Amino acid sequence: MDSIYWLIILAVFLLIEIITLGLTTIWFAGGSLVAFFLSLLVDNPVLEVTVCLIVSFLLLYFTRPIAKNYFNKQRVKTNIDLLIGKDAKVMETIDNLNGTGCVLINGLEWMARTANDDITIPAGERVIIRKVSGVKLIVDIKEEI
């Protein structure tokens, strides 16, 4: 394969990465760069494409988790993220089968459901928020220590 094609492919991947900034195509740009250097030494398109794909997936597999942690270190939690793990008070009995349930947290009422449909939590109980699903809080009974 002509070496210029690998430079064009590399430029396209870098351009997409610059536009998106999502660490999506940088790995394939690395594979394209290696394939470019290989194309200067040999003229075997199958080998070049194979090396490009292998290097790209190796970079993706081994370096993406490290890069993702490095770039997301400054991530600010949203208000929803801050609710997870907090205590709330059940204001209306939580019963998934009947579609009822409401909790009070930080002075605001939220619809609530349990992760298990077999559990009903009566009003007045203390619960802990496990996750947020849309506009509903998924809760569990808080174990007293």
N, C-alpha and C. Protein backbone atom coordinates (compact mmCIF):
# COMPACT_ATOMS: atom_id res chain seq x y z
N MET A 1 0.86 -1.18 0.00
CA MET A 1 0.00 0.00 0.00
C MET A 1 0.90 1.23 0.00
N ASP A 2 0.54 2.23 -0.73
CA ASP A 2 1.34 3.44 -0.82
C ASP A 2 1.37 4.13 0.54
N SER A 3 2.53 4.60 0.94
CA SER A 3 2.71 5.22 2.27
C SER A 3 1.84 6.45 2.47
N ILE A 4 1.56 7.17 1.41
CA ILE A 4 0.76 8.40 1.53
C ILE A 4 -0.64 8.10 2.04
N TYR A 5 -1.17 6.92 1.69
CA TYR A 5 -2.50 6.55 2.18
C TYR A 5 -2.52 6.42 3.70
N TRP A 6 -1.45 5.87 4.25
CA TRP A 6 -1.39 5.74 5.71
C TRP A 6 -1.30 7.11 6.38
N LEU A 7 -0.61 8.05 5.74
CA LEU A 7 -0.56 9.40 6.30
C LEU A 7 -1.93 10.07 6.25
N ILE A 8 -2.68 9.83 5.18
CA ILE A 8 -4.04 10.39 5.07
C ILE A 8 -4.94 9.78 6.13
N ILE A 9 -4.85 8.46 6.30
CA ILE A 9 -5.66 7.79 7.32
C ILE A 9 -5.29 8.30 8.70
N LEU A 10 -4.00 8.47 8.96
CA LEU A 10 -3.53 9.01 10.24
C LEU A 10 -4.10 10.41 10.47
N ALA A 11 -4.07 11.25 9.45
CA ALA A 11 -4.58 12.62 9.58
C ALA A 11 -6.09 12.62 9.85
N VAL A 12 -6.82 11.72 9.20
CA VAL A 12 -8.27 11.64 9.41
C VAL A 12 -8.57 11.23 10.86
N PHE A 13 -7.86 10.21 11.35
CA PHE A 13 -8.08 9.78 12.74
C PHE A 13 -7.72 10.89 13.73
N LEU A 14 -6.63 11.60 13.48
CA LEU A 14 -6.25 12.70 14.37
C LEU A 14 -7.27 13.84 14.32
N LEU A 15 -7.78 14.13 13.14
CA LEU A 15 -8.78 15.18 13.00
C LEU A 15 -10.07 14.81 13.76
N ILE A 16 -10.50 13.57 13.62
CA ILE A 16 -11.68 13.12 14.36
C ILE A 16 -11.44 13.22 15.86
N GLU A 17 -10.25 12.84 16.31
CA GLU A 17 -9.93 12.90 17.74
C GLU A 17 -9.92 14.34 18.23
N ILE A 18 -9.40 15.25 17.45
CA ILE A 18 -9.38 16.66 17.84
C ILE A 18 -10.79 17.21 17.94
N ILE A 19 -11.65 16.81 17.03
CA ILE A 19 -13.03 17.30 17.04
C ILE A 19 -13.81 16.73 18.22
N THR A 20 -13.65 15.42 18.49
CA THR A 20 -14.47 14.79 19.52
C THR A 20 -13.87 14.84 20.92
N LEU A 21 -12.57 14.81 21.04
CA LEU A 21 -11.87 14.79 22.34
C LEU A 21 -12.42 13.70 23.26
N GLY A 22 -12.76 12.56 22.68
CA GLY A 22 -13.35 11.50 23.49
C GLY A 22 -12.48 10.26 23.60
N LEU A 23 -11.23 10.35 23.22
CA LEU A 23 -10.34 9.19 23.20
C LEU A 23 -10.97 8.03 22.44
N THR A 24 -11.45 8.33 21.24
CA THR A 24 -12.10 7.29 20.46
C THR A 24 -11.23 6.81 19.30
N THR A 25 -10.55 7.70 18.62
CA THR A 25 -9.80 7.30 17.44
C THR A 25 -8.29 7.43 17.60
N ILE A 26 -7.83 7.91 18.72
CA ILE A 26 -6.39 8.11 18.90
C ILE A 26 -5.64 6.78 18.81
N TRP A 27 -6.28 5.70 19.24
CA TRP A 27 -5.65 4.39 19.22
C TRP A 27 -5.44 3.91 17.79
N PHE A 28 -6.39 4.23 16.93
CA PHE A 28 -6.28 3.84 15.53
C PHE A 28 -5.29 4.75 14.79
N ALA A 29 -5.12 5.96 15.28
CA ALA A 29 -4.09 6.83 14.72
C ALA A 29 -2.71 6.24 15.02
N GLY A 30 -2.55 5.69 16.21
CA GLY A 30 -1.28 5.03 16.56
C GLY A 30 -1.02 3.83 15.67
N GLY A 31 -2.04 3.04 15.43
CA GLY A 31 -1.89 1.89 14.53
C GLY A 31 -1.57 2.33 13.11
N SER A 32 -2.17 3.42 12.67
CA SER A 32 -1.89 3.95 11.33
C SER A 32 -0.46 4.45 11.22
N LEU A 33 0.04 5.04 12.29
CA LEU A 33 1.42 5.53 12.28
C LEU A 33 2.40 4.37 12.15
N VAL A 34 2.16 3.30 12.91
CA VAL A 34 3.02 2.12 12.81
C VAL A 34 2.93 1.52 11.41
N ALA A 35 1.72 1.45 10.86
CA ALA A 35 1.55 0.91 9.51
C ALA A 35 2.25 1.80 8.48
N PHE A 36 2.26 3.11 8.70
CA PHE A 36 2.98 4.01 7.79
C PHE A 36 4.47 3.67 7.76
N PHE A 37 5.06 3.53 8.95
CA PHE A 37 6.49 3.20 9.00
C PHE A 37 6.77 1.82 8.39
N LEU A 38 5.85 0.89 8.61
CA LEU A 38 6.01 -0.44 8.01
C LEU A 38 5.91 -0.36 6.50
N SER A 39 5.03 0.50 5.99
CA SER A 39 4.87 0.62 4.53
C SER A 39 6.11 1.21 3.86
N LEU A 40 6.93 1.92 4.63
CA LEU A 40 8.19 2.43 4.08
C LEU A 40 9.20 1.30 3.89
N LEU A 41 9.05 0.22 4.69
CA LEU A 41 9.99 -0.89 4.64
C LEU A 41 9.55 -2.01 3.70
N VAL A 42 8.25 -2.32 3.71
CA VAL A 42 7.74 -3.41 2.88
C VAL A 42 6.54 -2.92 2.09
N ASP A 43 6.24 -3.62 1.02
CA ASP A 43 5.08 -3.27 0.21
C ASP A 43 4.11 -4.46 0.20
N ASN A 44 3.47 -4.66 1.35
CA ASN A 44 2.52 -5.76 1.52
C ASN A 44 1.27 -5.21 2.21
N PRO A 45 0.24 -4.85 1.44
CA PRO A 45 -0.96 -4.22 2.01
C PRO A 45 -1.64 -5.07 3.08
N VAL A 46 -1.67 -6.37 2.92
CA VAL A 46 -2.31 -7.24 3.91
C VAL A 46 -1.56 -7.16 5.23
N LEU A 47 -0.25 -7.22 5.17
CA LEU A 47 0.56 -7.12 6.38
C LEU A 47 0.39 -5.75 7.04
N GLU A 48 0.34 -4.70 6.25
CA GLU A 48 0.20 -3.35 6.79
C GLU A 48 -1.14 -3.18 7.52
N VAL A 49 -2.22 -3.64 6.90
CA VAL A 49 -3.54 -3.53 7.52
C VAL A 49 -3.61 -4.38 8.78
N THR A 50 -3.04 -5.57 8.71
CA THR A 50 -3.04 -6.46 9.88
C THR A 50 -2.28 -5.83 11.04
N VAL A 51 -1.10 -5.29 10.76
CA VAL A 51 -0.31 -4.64 11.81
C VAL A 51 -1.04 -3.43 12.35
N CYS A 52 -1.67 -2.67 11.48
CA CYS A 52 -2.43 -1.49 11.92
C CYS A 52 -3.52 -1.90 12.90
N LEU A 53 -4.28 -2.93 12.57
CA LEU A 53 -5.37 -3.38 13.44
C LEU A 53 -4.85 -3.95 14.75
N ILE A 54 -3.80 -4.75 14.68
CA ILE A 54 -3.24 -5.35 15.91
C ILE A 54 -2.72 -4.28 16.84
N VAL A 55 -1.93 -3.35 16.32
CA VAL A 55 -1.38 -2.27 17.15
C VAL A 55 -2.50 -1.40 17.71
N SER A 56 -3.49 -1.10 16.90
CA SER A 56 -4.61 -0.27 17.37
C SER A 56 -5.33 -0.92 18.54
N PHE A 57 -5.65 -2.20 18.41
CA PHE A 57 -6.38 -2.88 19.48
C PHE A 57 -5.52 -3.10 20.72
N LEU A 58 -4.22 -3.32 20.53
CA LEU A 58 -3.33 -3.42 21.69
C LEU A 58 -3.25 -2.09 22.44
N LEU A 59 -3.13 -1.00 21.70
CA LEU A 59 -3.12 0.31 22.33
C LEU A 59 -4.44 0.58 23.05
N LEU A 60 -5.53 0.24 22.40
CA LEU A 60 -6.85 0.43 22.99
C LEU A 60 -6.98 -0.37 24.28
N TYR A 61 -6.57 -1.61 24.25
CA TYR A 61 -6.75 -2.50 25.40
C TYR A 61 -5.85 -2.11 26.58
N PHE A 62 -4.58 -1.79 26.31
CA PHE A 62 -3.64 -1.57 27.40
C PHE A 62 -3.54 -0.13 27.88
N THR A 63 -3.78 0.84 27.02
CA THR A 63 -3.56 2.23 27.44
C THR A 63 -4.84 3.02 27.69
N ARG A 64 -5.96 2.59 27.15
CA ARG A 64 -7.20 3.35 27.32
C ARG A 64 -7.61 3.49 28.78
N PRO A 65 -7.58 2.41 29.60
CA PRO A 65 -7.97 2.59 31.00
C PRO A 65 -7.09 3.60 31.74
N ILE A 66 -5.80 3.59 31.45
CA ILE A 66 -4.89 4.54 32.08
C ILE A 66 -5.19 5.96 31.63
N ALA A 67 -5.35 6.14 30.34
CA ALA A 67 -5.65 7.46 29.80
C ALA A 67 -7.01 7.97 30.27
N LYS A 68 -7.97 7.08 30.35
CA LYS A 68 -9.31 7.48 30.79
C LYS A 68 -9.29 7.99 32.23
N ASN A 69 -8.54 7.31 33.10
CA ASN A 69 -8.41 7.78 34.48
C ASN A 69 -7.67 9.10 34.55
N TYR A 70 -6.65 9.27 33.72
CA TYR A 70 -5.86 10.49 33.74
C TYR A 70 -6.69 11.68 33.27
N PHE A 71 -7.49 11.50 32.21
CA PHE A 71 -8.26 12.61 31.66
C PHE A 71 -9.53 12.89 32.44
N ASN A 72 -10.07 11.91 33.16
CA ASN A 72 -11.31 12.12 33.92
C ASN A 72 -11.05 12.44 35.39
N LYS A 73 -9.80 12.73 35.73
CA LYS A 73 -9.47 13.00 37.12
C LYS A 73 -10.16 14.27 37.62
N GLN A 74 -10.37 15.22 36.75
CA GLN A 74 -10.97 16.50 37.13
C GLN A 74 -12.49 16.49 37.04
N ARG A 75 -13.10 15.32 36.76
CA ARG A 75 -14.55 15.22 36.58
C ARG A 75 -15.28 15.65 37.84
N VAL A 76 -16.24 16.51 37.68
CA VAL A 76 -17.04 17.01 38.80
C VAL A 76 -18.34 16.22 38.85
N LYS A 77 -18.66 15.72 40.03
CA LYS A 77 -19.91 14.99 40.17
C LYS A 77 -21.08 15.94 40.07
N THR A 78 -22.17 15.44 39.50
CA THR A 78 -23.38 16.24 39.42
C THR A 78 -24.17 16.06 40.70
N ASN A 79 -25.25 16.80 40.83
CA ASN A 79 -26.08 16.67 42.02
C ASN A 79 -26.66 15.27 42.15
N ILE A 80 -26.98 14.65 41.03
CA ILE A 80 -27.52 13.30 41.06
C ILE A 80 -26.49 12.33 41.61
N ASP A 81 -25.23 12.45 41.17
CA ASP A 81 -24.17 11.57 41.66
C ASP A 81 -23.98 11.70 43.16
N LEU A 82 -24.21 12.89 43.68
CA LEU A 82 -24.01 13.12 45.11
C LEU A 82 -25.09 12.46 45.97
N LEU A 83 -26.23 12.09 45.38
CA LEU A 83 -27.30 11.44 46.14
C LEU A 83 -26.98 9.99 46.47
N ILE A 84 -26.21 9.33 45.63
CA ILE A 84 -25.93 7.91 45.81
C ILE A 84 -25.15 7.71 47.11
N GLY A 85 -25.69 6.79 47.93
CA GLY A 85 -25.07 6.48 49.22
C GLY A 85 -25.64 7.28 50.38
N LYS A 86 -26.50 8.25 50.09
CA LYS A 86 -27.09 9.08 51.14
C LYS A 86 -28.32 8.39 51.73
N ASP A 87 -28.67 8.83 52.94
CA ASP A 87 -29.86 8.34 53.62
C ASP A 87 -31.07 9.18 53.22
N ALA A 88 -32.23 8.55 53.22
CA ALA A 88 -33.48 9.26 52.94
C ALA A 88 -34.57 8.67 53.82
N LYS A 89 -35.64 9.42 53.98
CA LYS A 89 -36.77 8.96 54.78
C LYS A 89 -37.94 8.66 53.85
N VAL A 90 -38.55 7.49 54.04
CA VAL A 90 -39.68 7.09 53.21
C VAL A 90 -40.91 7.88 53.64
N MET A 91 -41.51 8.61 52.71
CA MET A 91 -42.70 9.42 52.98
C MET A 91 -43.97 8.67 52.59
N GLU A 92 -43.89 7.85 51.55
CA GLU A 92 -45.02 7.04 51.09
C GLU A 92 -44.49 5.62 50.88
N THR A 93 -45.24 4.64 51.31
CA THR A 93 -44.81 3.25 51.23
C THR A 93 -44.29 2.92 49.83
N ILE A 94 -43.10 2.31 49.81
CA ILE A 94 -42.49 1.94 48.53
C ILE A 94 -42.93 0.53 48.19
N ASP A 95 -43.70 0.41 47.12
CA ASP A 95 -44.23 -0.88 46.66
C ASP A 95 -44.15 -0.89 45.14
N ASN A 96 -43.17 -1.60 44.62
CA ASN A 96 -42.95 -1.63 43.17
C ASN A 96 -44.15 -2.19 42.42
N LEU A 97 -44.79 -3.20 42.98
CA LEU A 97 -45.90 -3.84 42.28
C LEU A 97 -47.08 -2.90 42.10
N ASN A 98 -47.30 -2.02 43.06
CA ASN A 98 -48.39 -1.06 42.96
C ASN A 98 -47.94 0.29 42.39
N GLY A 99 -46.65 0.43 42.16
CA GLY A 99 -46.12 1.67 41.57
C GLY A 99 -46.15 2.86 42.52
N THR A 100 -46.00 2.60 43.83
CA THR A 100 -46.01 3.70 44.79
C THR A 100 -44.66 3.80 45.47
N GLY A 101 -44.40 4.95 46.00
CA GLY A 101 -43.18 5.15 46.76
C GLY A 101 -42.61 6.53 46.60
N CYS A 102 -42.26 7.12 47.72
CA CYS A 102 -41.73 8.47 47.72
C CYS A 102 -40.80 8.61 48.91
N VAL A 103 -39.65 9.25 48.71
CA VAL A 103 -38.72 9.50 49.81
C VAL A 103 -38.40 10.99 49.87
N LEU A 104 -37.93 11.40 51.03
CA LEU A 104 -37.54 12.79 51.25
C LEU A 104 -36.03 12.83 51.47
N ILE A 105 -35.35 13.63 50.67
CA ILE A 105 -33.90 13.81 50.83
C ILE A 105 -33.57 15.26 50.50
N ASN A 106 -32.81 15.86 51.37
CA ASN A 106 -32.41 17.26 51.22
C ASN A 106 -33.60 18.19 51.03
N GLY A 107 -34.70 17.87 51.68
CA GLY A 107 -35.89 18.70 51.60
C GLY A 107 -36.70 18.53 50.32
N LEU A 108 -36.33 17.59 49.47
CA LEU A 108 -37.03 17.35 48.22
C LEU A 108 -37.61 15.95 48.21
N GLU A 109 -38.82 15.82 47.64
CA GLU A 109 -39.44 14.51 47.50
C GLU A 109 -39.06 13.91 46.16
N TRP A 110 -38.70 12.63 46.20
CA TRP A 110 -38.33 11.89 45.00
C TRP A 110 -39.17 10.63 44.94
N MET A 111 -39.53 10.22 43.71
CA MET A 111 -40.14 8.90 43.54
C MET A 111 -39.06 7.87 43.85
N ALA A 112 -39.48 6.77 44.48
CA ALA A 112 -38.50 5.76 44.85
C ALA A 112 -39.01 4.37 44.54
N ARG A 113 -38.10 3.49 44.24
CA ARG A 113 -38.40 2.09 44.00
C ARG A 113 -37.29 1.26 44.66
N THR A 114 -37.60 0.00 44.92
CA THR A 114 -36.58 -0.92 45.43
C THR A 114 -36.01 -1.71 44.26
N ALA A 115 -34.81 -2.24 44.45
CA ALA A 115 -34.19 -3.04 43.40
C ALA A 115 -34.91 -4.39 43.26
N ASN A 116 -35.52 -4.85 44.35
CA ASN A 116 -36.21 -6.13 44.37
C ASN A 116 -37.71 -5.88 44.48
N ASP A 117 -38.49 -6.40 43.53
CA ASP A 117 -39.94 -6.17 43.53
C ASP A 117 -40.65 -6.83 44.70
N ASP A 118 -40.02 -7.80 45.37
CA ASP A 118 -40.65 -8.51 46.48
C ASP A 118 -40.61 -7.73 47.79
N ILE A 119 -39.83 -6.67 47.83
CA ILE A 119 -39.66 -5.91 49.08
C ILE A 119 -40.60 -4.70 49.07
N THR A 120 -41.30 -4.51 50.20
CA THR A 120 -42.12 -3.33 50.41
C THR A 120 -41.56 -2.60 51.62
N ILE A 121 -41.36 -1.31 51.49
CA ILE A 121 -40.79 -0.52 52.59
C ILE A 121 -41.86 0.46 53.08
N PRO A 122 -42.26 0.34 54.35
CA PRO A 122 -43.32 1.21 54.86
C PRO A 122 -42.85 2.64 55.08
N ALA A 123 -43.81 3.56 55.14
CA ALA A 123 -43.52 4.97 55.40
C ALA A 123 -42.85 5.11 56.77
N GLY A 124 -41.94 6.04 56.88
CA GLY A 124 -41.23 6.30 58.12
C GLY A 124 -39.89 5.60 58.23
N GLU A 125 -39.63 4.60 57.38
CA GLU A 125 -38.36 3.86 57.41
C GLU A 125 -37.22 4.72 56.86
N ARG A 126 -36.02 4.39 57.27
CA ARG A 126 -34.82 5.03 56.72
C ARG A 126 -34.29 4.12 55.62
N VAL A 127 -33.93 4.70 54.49
CA VAL A 127 -33.39 3.94 53.37
C VAL A 127 -32.09 4.57 52.91
N ILE A 128 -31.34 3.80 52.15
CA ILE A 128 -30.11 4.31 51.56
C ILE A 128 -30.26 4.26 50.04
N ILE A 129 -29.82 5.30 49.37
CA ILE A 129 -29.97 5.41 47.92
C ILE A 129 -28.82 4.64 47.26
N ARG A 130 -29.19 3.69 46.41
CA ARG A 130 -28.20 2.85 45.72
C ARG A 130 -27.86 3.39 44.34
N LYS A 131 -28.86 3.88 43.61
CA LYS A 131 -28.61 4.45 42.28
C LYS A 131 -29.80 5.30 41.87
N VAL A 132 -29.61 6.03 40.79
CA VAL A 132 -30.67 6.86 40.24
C VAL A 132 -31.00 6.31 38.86
N SER A 133 -32.29 6.06 38.63
CA SER A 133 -32.75 5.55 37.35
C SER A 133 -33.80 6.51 36.81
N GLY A 134 -33.39 7.36 35.90
CA GLY A 134 -34.30 8.40 35.38
C GLY A 134 -34.62 9.39 36.47
N VAL A 135 -35.91 9.48 36.84
CA VAL A 135 -36.33 10.40 37.90
C VAL A 135 -36.67 9.64 39.18
N LYS A 136 -36.28 8.38 39.24
CA LYS A 136 -36.57 7.56 40.42
C LYS A 136 -35.28 7.18 41.12
N LEU A 137 -35.37 7.13 42.44
CA LEU A 137 -34.24 6.65 43.23
C LEU A 137 -34.45 5.17 43.51
N ILE A 138 -33.41 4.40 43.35
CA ILE A 138 -33.45 2.98 43.70
C ILE A 138 -32.83 2.87 45.08
N VAL A 139 -33.62 2.34 46.04
CA VAL A 139 -33.22 2.37 47.45
C VAL A 139 -33.23 0.97 48.06
N ASP A 140 -32.55 0.85 49.20
CA ASP A 140 -32.56 -0.34 50.04
C ASP A 140 -32.83 0.09 51.46
N ILE A 141 -33.35 -0.84 52.26
CA ILE A 141 -33.57 -0.54 53.68
C ILE A 141 -32.21 -0.34 54.33
N LYS A 142 -32.11 0.71 55.13
CA LYS A 142 -30.85 0.97 55.83
C LYS A 142 -30.75 0.05 57.04
N GLU A 143 -29.66 -0.67 57.10
CA GLU A 143 -29.43 -1.60 58.21
C GLU A 143 -28.95 -0.80 59.41
N GLU A 144 -29.61 -0.99 60.53
CA GLU A 144 -29.20 -0.31 61.77
C GLU A 144 -28.02 -1.02 62.38
N ILE A 145 -27.04 -0.27 62.78
CA ILE A 145 -25.81 -0.84 63.39
C ILE A 145 -25.91 -0.72 64.91
